[in-house]
């Protein structure tokens, strides 16, 4: 037998889950866009170390953003 408030608890959990999935999707999208926007900024052509740092940072942002997007779009219960 279920209590009369059990559906309210389940509904509250669904709302919290939706909130965190929405935040993850927004964060993932922002990280993916930041990974590409990092290459729009013009750097001094003679600095090879800066290119390596930008590449690693953009790769990290892209992988992290895609992980956030995939994690937030999967529906687990």
N, C-alpha and C. Protein backbone atom coordinates (compact mmCIF):
# COMPACT_ATOMS: atom_id res chain seq x y z
N UNK A 1 0.83 -1.18 0.00
CA UNK A 1 0.00 0.00 0.00
C UNK A 1 0.88 1.25 0.00
N UNK A 2 0.56 2.17 -0.83
CA UNK A 2 1.36 3.40 -0.92
C UNK A 2 0.67 4.50 -0.13
N UNK A 3 1.47 5.39 0.37
CA UNK A 3 0.90 6.52 1.11
C UNK A 3 0.37 7.55 0.13
N UNK A 4 -0.54 8.39 0.59
CA UNK A 4 -1.12 9.40 -0.32
C UNK A 4 -0.11 10.43 -0.80
N UNK A 5 1.00 10.57 -0.11
CA UNK A 5 1.99 11.58 -0.53
C UNK A 5 3.12 10.98 -1.35
N UNK A 6 3.07 9.69 -1.66
CA UNK A 6 4.18 9.07 -2.40
C UNK A 6 4.29 9.63 -3.82
N UNK A 7 3.16 9.97 -4.43
CA UNK A 7 3.24 10.55 -5.78
C UNK A 7 3.85 11.94 -5.76
N UNK A 8 3.69 12.67 -4.64
CA UNK A 8 4.31 13.99 -4.54
C UNK A 8 5.83 13.87 -4.40
N UNK A 9 6.27 12.85 -3.67
CA UNK A 9 7.71 12.64 -3.52
C UNK A 9 8.32 12.25 -4.87
N UNK A 10 7.64 11.38 -5.60
CA UNK A 10 8.13 10.96 -6.92
C UNK A 10 8.15 12.14 -7.87
N UNK A 11 7.13 12.98 -7.79
CA UNK A 11 7.08 14.15 -8.66
C UNK A 11 8.20 15.14 -8.33
N UNK A 12 8.50 15.28 -7.04
CA UNK A 12 9.60 16.15 -6.62
C UNK A 12 10.94 15.64 -7.12
N UNK A 13 11.13 14.30 -7.06
CA UNK A 13 12.37 13.73 -7.57
C UNK A 13 12.48 13.94 -9.08
N UNK A 14 11.36 13.82 -9.78
CA UNK A 14 11.39 14.05 -11.23
C UNK A 14 11.74 15.50 -11.55
N UNK A 15 11.23 16.43 -10.74
CA UNK A 15 11.53 17.84 -10.98
C UNK A 15 13.01 18.14 -10.73
N UNK A 16 13.57 17.55 -9.68
CA UNK A 16 14.99 17.75 -9.39
C UNK A 16 15.84 17.13 -10.48
N UNK A 17 15.45 15.93 -10.93
CA UNK A 17 16.18 15.27 -12.01
C UNK A 17 16.12 16.09 -13.29
N UNK A 18 14.97 16.64 -13.60
CA UNK A 18 14.83 17.49 -14.79
C UNK A 18 15.69 18.73 -14.68
N UNK A 19 15.75 19.32 -13.49
CA UNK A 19 16.56 20.52 -13.27
C UNK A 19 18.04 20.23 -13.52
N UNK A 20 18.53 19.12 -12.95
CA UNK A 20 19.94 18.79 -13.12
C UNK A 20 20.26 18.38 -14.56
N UNK A 21 19.33 17.71 -15.23
CA UNK A 21 19.57 17.37 -16.62
C UNK A 21 19.59 18.62 -17.49
N UNK A 22 18.73 19.58 -17.19
CA UNK A 22 18.71 20.84 -17.93
C UNK A 22 20.00 21.63 -17.70
N UNK A 23 20.46 21.68 -16.46
CA UNK A 23 21.73 22.36 -16.16
C UNK A 23 22.91 21.68 -16.86
N UNK A 24 22.90 20.36 -16.90
CA UNK A 24 23.96 19.63 -17.59
C UNK A 24 23.95 19.90 -19.09
N UNK A 25 22.75 19.99 -19.67
CA UNK A 25 22.66 20.27 -21.10
C UNK A 25 23.14 21.69 -21.41
N UNK A 26 22.79 22.64 -20.57
CA UNK A 26 23.23 24.02 -20.78
C UNK A 26 24.74 24.13 -20.61
N UNK A 27 25.27 23.49 -19.57
CA UNK A 27 26.72 23.52 -19.34
C UNK A 27 27.47 22.83 -20.48
N UNK A 28 26.96 21.70 -20.94
CA UNK A 28 27.61 20.99 -22.04
C UNK A 28 27.62 21.79 -23.32
N UNK A 29 26.50 22.43 -23.62
CA UNK A 29 26.42 23.26 -24.82
C UNK A 29 27.39 24.44 -24.73
N UNK A 30 27.46 25.06 -23.56
CA UNK A 30 28.38 26.19 -23.38
C UNK A 30 29.83 25.74 -23.53
N UNK A 31 30.16 24.56 -23.01
CA UNK A 31 31.53 24.07 -23.13
C UNK A 31 31.90 23.74 -24.57
N UNK A 32 30.97 23.17 -25.33
CA UNK A 32 31.24 22.86 -26.74
C UNK A 32 31.43 24.15 -27.53
N UNK A 33 30.57 25.14 -27.30
CA UNK A 33 30.73 26.41 -27.99
C UNK A 33 32.03 27.11 -27.59
N UNK A 34 32.42 27.00 -26.32
CA UNK A 34 33.67 27.62 -25.87
C UNK A 34 34.89 26.96 -26.51
N UNK A 35 34.79 25.65 -26.74
CA UNK A 35 35.91 24.95 -27.38
C UNK A 35 36.13 25.47 -28.79
N UNK A 36 35.06 25.77 -29.51
CA UNK A 36 35.22 26.31 -30.86
C UNK A 36 35.53 27.80 -30.84
N UNK A 37 34.98 28.52 -29.88
CA UNK A 37 35.21 29.96 -29.80
C UNK A 37 36.65 30.27 -29.41
N UNK A 38 37.31 29.34 -28.78
CA UNK A 38 38.70 29.55 -28.39
C UNK A 38 39.59 29.75 -29.61
N UNK A 39 39.23 29.19 -30.74
CA UNK A 39 40.03 29.31 -31.95
C UNK A 39 39.70 30.57 -32.75
N UNK A 40 38.65 31.27 -32.38
CA UNK A 40 38.31 32.52 -33.06
C UNK A 40 39.26 33.64 -32.62
N UNK A 41 39.72 33.56 -31.38
CA UNK A 41 40.62 34.58 -30.84
C UNK A 41 41.96 34.49 -31.58
N UNK A 42 42.40 35.61 -32.09
CA UNK A 42 43.64 35.65 -32.86
C UNK A 42 44.83 35.67 -31.90
N UNK A 43 45.77 34.76 -32.13
CA UNK A 43 46.97 34.70 -31.30
C UNK A 43 48.17 35.13 -32.13
N UNK A 44 49.23 35.41 -31.46
CA UNK A 44 50.47 35.77 -32.14
C UNK A 44 50.99 34.54 -32.87
N UNK A 45 51.31 34.66 -34.15
CA UNK A 45 51.68 33.47 -34.93
C UNK A 45 52.99 32.81 -34.52
N UNK A 46 53.87 33.48 -33.84
CA UNK A 46 55.18 32.94 -33.51
C UNK A 46 55.20 32.09 -32.25
N UNK A 47 54.11 32.00 -31.53
CA UNK A 47 54.10 31.30 -30.25
C UNK A 47 53.50 29.90 -30.44
N UNK A 48 54.38 28.89 -30.51
CA UNK A 48 53.92 27.52 -30.71
C UNK A 48 53.38 26.92 -29.42
N UNK A 49 53.91 27.34 -28.27
CA UNK A 49 53.42 26.81 -27.00
C UNK A 49 51.97 27.20 -26.76
N UNK A 50 51.62 28.40 -27.16
CA UNK A 50 50.25 28.86 -26.98
C UNK A 50 49.28 28.04 -27.83
N UNK A 51 49.72 27.65 -29.01
CA UNK A 51 48.86 26.81 -29.86
C UNK A 51 48.61 25.45 -29.21
N UNK A 52 49.63 24.89 -28.58
CA UNK A 52 49.48 23.60 -27.91
C UNK A 52 48.53 23.72 -26.71
N UNK A 53 48.68 24.80 -25.95
CA UNK A 53 47.79 25.02 -24.81
C UNK A 53 46.35 25.22 -25.29
N UNK A 54 46.16 26.00 -26.33
CA UNK A 54 44.81 26.20 -26.87
C UNK A 54 44.22 24.90 -27.39
N UNK A 55 45.04 24.08 -28.04
CA UNK A 55 44.56 22.81 -28.54
C UNK A 55 44.12 21.89 -27.41
N UNK A 56 44.96 21.78 -26.36
CA UNK A 56 44.62 20.91 -25.23
C UNK A 56 43.40 21.43 -24.47
N UNK A 57 43.32 22.73 -24.30
CA UNK A 57 42.17 23.31 -23.60
C UNK A 57 40.89 23.11 -24.40
N UNK A 58 40.95 23.34 -25.70
CA UNK A 58 39.76 23.16 -26.51
C UNK A 58 39.36 21.69 -26.61
N UNK A 59 40.34 20.80 -26.63
CA UNK A 59 40.04 19.37 -26.64
C UNK A 59 39.38 18.94 -25.33
N UNK A 60 39.89 19.44 -24.22
CA UNK A 60 39.28 19.16 -22.91
C UNK A 60 37.87 19.70 -22.80
N UNK A 61 37.67 20.93 -23.29
CA UNK A 61 36.33 21.52 -23.26
C UNK A 61 35.36 20.75 -24.15
N UNK A 62 35.84 20.33 -25.30
CA UNK A 62 34.98 19.58 -26.23
C UNK A 62 34.59 18.23 -25.65
N UNK A 63 35.55 17.50 -25.11
CA UNK A 63 35.25 16.19 -24.52
C UNK A 63 34.36 16.34 -23.29
N UNK A 64 34.67 17.30 -22.44
CA UNK A 64 33.84 17.53 -21.25
C UNK A 64 32.43 17.97 -21.60
N UNK A 65 32.31 18.84 -22.60
CA UNK A 65 31.00 19.30 -23.02
C UNK A 65 30.16 18.20 -23.62
N UNK A 66 30.79 17.35 -24.43
CA UNK A 66 30.06 16.23 -25.01
C UNK A 66 29.65 15.22 -23.94
N UNK A 67 30.50 15.02 -22.94
CA UNK A 67 30.12 14.13 -21.82
C UNK A 67 28.93 14.70 -21.06
N UNK A 68 28.92 16.00 -20.83
CA UNK A 68 27.78 16.62 -20.14
C UNK A 68 26.51 16.49 -20.97
N UNK A 69 26.63 16.71 -22.27
CA UNK A 69 25.46 16.60 -23.14
C UNK A 69 24.91 15.18 -23.19
N UNK A 70 25.78 14.22 -23.37
CA UNK A 70 25.33 12.83 -23.43
C UNK A 70 24.75 12.39 -22.09
N UNK A 71 25.39 12.79 -21.01
CA UNK A 71 24.88 12.43 -19.69
C UNK A 71 23.56 13.08 -19.36
N UNK A 72 23.35 14.29 -19.83
CA UNK A 72 22.10 14.97 -19.50
C UNK A 72 20.96 14.54 -20.41
N UNK A 73 21.29 14.05 -21.59
CA UNK A 73 20.23 13.64 -22.51
C UNK A 73 19.79 12.20 -22.31
N UNK A 74 20.59 11.42 -21.57
CA UNK A 74 20.17 10.03 -21.31
C UNK A 74 19.13 10.03 -20.19
N UNK A 75 18.13 9.23 -20.35
CA UNK A 75 17.03 9.20 -19.39
C UNK A 75 17.18 7.95 -18.54
N UNK A 76 17.73 8.12 -17.34
CA UNK A 76 17.91 7.00 -16.41
C UNK A 76 16.95 7.14 -15.24
N UNK A 77 16.42 6.03 -14.80
CA UNK A 77 15.54 6.04 -13.63
C UNK A 77 15.95 4.98 -12.68
